[in-house]
Every structure is written in C-alpha cells, then in structure tokens.
Amino acid sequence: MLYINCPHCGMRSQNEFSYGGDASVKRPLLNKEVSDQEWDDFVYNRKSLRGKHLELWHHISGCRQWIKVERDTSTHEIFRTFKADEEVV
C-alpha cells in the first residue's frame, strides 16, 4: 500500500485518494476550435511512462483537494507532493 503525504492533511493511505492521471498533460484551451486529432491526442493518445512522473491525485476521503504527486511508476516510490496550484521545479 502507498502512503501519500497530502499537503493539506498530512500522511494518508492511498485508499483515501483517487488517481487523476498525468499532471503534465495540458487540456485544450476553452472556446478554441480544436481538430478531432488534437482532441483524440488529449483524451486517448498518451505514452505509458516508466520512471519518475508527475501525477494528479484527488483526496476523495479527506480534504477533497486535488494534489500533484511525484512518483516513480516502476517502484511506486513517492518523492514529493504539492498543492495542485504549486509550480513544480
């Protein structure tokens, strides 16, 4: 089991969270015309990355906030967590 350090609530079990996907994927701009290919790329065409990766997680059984988690997808080691609006450098 993973333990995730929520920046709002502290250390919690992964059972309190829901995985939200790749945090580096950018949604197409609102009110901008996008092609079918651009939309398909956003929704479906993703690489399955191995190694250190930035992800979104939703703390559904806690503060209900979205957070960013830097995690290794091969080992599941969690390096750092951030509030959703924090810039990661």
Protein backbone atom coordinates (compact mmCIF):
# COMPACT_ATOMS: atom_id res chain seq x y z
CA MET A 1 0.00 0.00 0.00
CA LEU A 2 1.15 3.53 -0.76
CA TYR A 3 1.08 6.35 1.74
CA ILE A 4 0.65 9.82 0.27
CA ASN A 5 1.58 12.98 2.16
CA CYS A 6 -1.35 15.30 1.40
CA PRO A 7 -0.09 18.91 1.59
CA HIS A 8 -3.40 19.83 3.25
CA CYS A 9 -3.96 16.87 5.65
CA GLY A 10 -0.64 15.08 6.15
CA MET A 11 0.24 11.42 5.60
CA ARG A 12 -2.71 9.28 4.47
CA SER A 13 -3.33 5.84 2.95
CA GLN A 14 -3.72 5.64 -0.83
CA ASN A 15 -7.22 4.27 -0.17
CA GLU A 16 -8.31 7.85 0.56
CA PHE A 17 -7.22 9.01 -2.91
CA SER A 18 -8.29 8.55 -6.49
CA TYR A 19 -5.69 8.63 -9.28
CA GLY A 20 -6.30 11.51 -11.68
CA GLY A 21 -3.75 10.93 -14.42
CA ASP A 22 -0.67 12.61 -15.82
CA ALA A 23 -0.20 16.10 -14.36
CA SER A 24 1.84 17.27 -17.36
CA VAL A 25 -0.98 16.86 -19.91
CA LYS A 26 -2.43 20.23 -20.94
CA ARG A 27 -6.13 20.46 -21.76
CA PRO A 28 -7.01 22.34 -24.98
CA LEU A 29 -7.99 25.95 -24.32
CA LEU A 30 -11.67 26.66 -23.69
CA ASN A 31 -13.62 28.33 -26.51
CA LYS A 32 -10.89 27.41 -29.01
CA GLU A 33 -11.66 25.24 -32.00
CA VAL A 34 -9.64 22.00 -31.91
CA SER A 35 -9.34 19.33 -34.54
CA ASP A 36 -10.53 15.78 -33.98
CA GLN A 37 -6.88 14.67 -33.99
CA GLU A 38 -5.95 17.21 -31.26
CA TRP A 39 -8.88 16.05 -29.13
CA ASP A 40 -8.01 12.36 -29.69
CA ASP A 41 -4.42 13.10 -28.68
CA PHE A 42 -5.60 14.82 -25.48
CA VAL A 43 -8.08 12.10 -24.49
CA TYR A 44 -6.60 8.85 -25.78
CA ASN A 45 -3.10 9.06 -27.20
CA ARG A 46 -0.82 9.03 -24.19
CA LYS A 47 2.51 7.37 -23.56
CA SER A 48 2.74 4.94 -20.67
CA LEU A 49 5.75 6.43 -18.95
CA ARG A 50 8.13 4.41 -16.82
CA GLY A 51 10.11 6.07 -14.07
CA LYS A 52 9.76 9.39 -12.26
CA HIS A 53 6.49 11.04 -13.21
CA LEU A 54 4.21 13.87 -12.03
CA GLU A 55 0.62 12.77 -11.38
CA LEU A 56 -2.67 14.23 -10.20
CA TRP A 57 -4.45 12.62 -7.23
CA HIS A 58 -7.80 13.58 -5.70
CA HIS A 59 -8.12 13.27 -1.91
CA ILE A 60 -11.68 11.96 -2.07
CA SER A 61 -11.94 10.69 1.53
CA GLY A 62 -10.22 13.65 3.10
CA CYS A 63 -9.98 17.33 2.20
CA ARG A 64 -11.38 16.72 -1.34
CA GLN A 65 -8.49 18.70 -2.83
CA TRP A 66 -6.51 17.82 -5.95
CA ILE A 67 -2.76 17.41 -5.39
CA LYS A 68 0.31 16.68 -7.51
CA VAL A 69 2.43 13.65 -6.63
CA GLU A 70 5.92 12.99 -7.98
CA ARG A 71 6.13 9.18 -8.13
CA ASP A 72 8.21 6.50 -9.80
CA THR A 73 5.80 4.38 -11.85
CA SER A 74 8.17 1.38 -11.74
CA THR A 75 8.82 1.22 -7.99
CA HIS A 76 5.83 3.28 -6.72
CA GLU A 77 8.24 5.35 -4.61
CA ILE A 78 6.78 8.79 -3.84
CA PHE A 79 9.35 11.58 -3.84
CA ARG A 80 7.31 14.75 -3.20
CA THR A 81 3.76 16.07 -3.10
CA PHE A 82 2.45 19.54 -3.97
CA LYS A 83 -0.75 21.54 -3.85
CA ALA A 84 -2.43 21.46 -7.26
CA ASP A 85 -1.67 25.12 -7.98
CA GLU A 86 2.01 24.91 -6.97
CA GLU A 87 4.63 25.16 -9.70
CA VAL A 88 6.94 22.14 -9.71
CA VAL A 89 10.59 22.79 -10.50
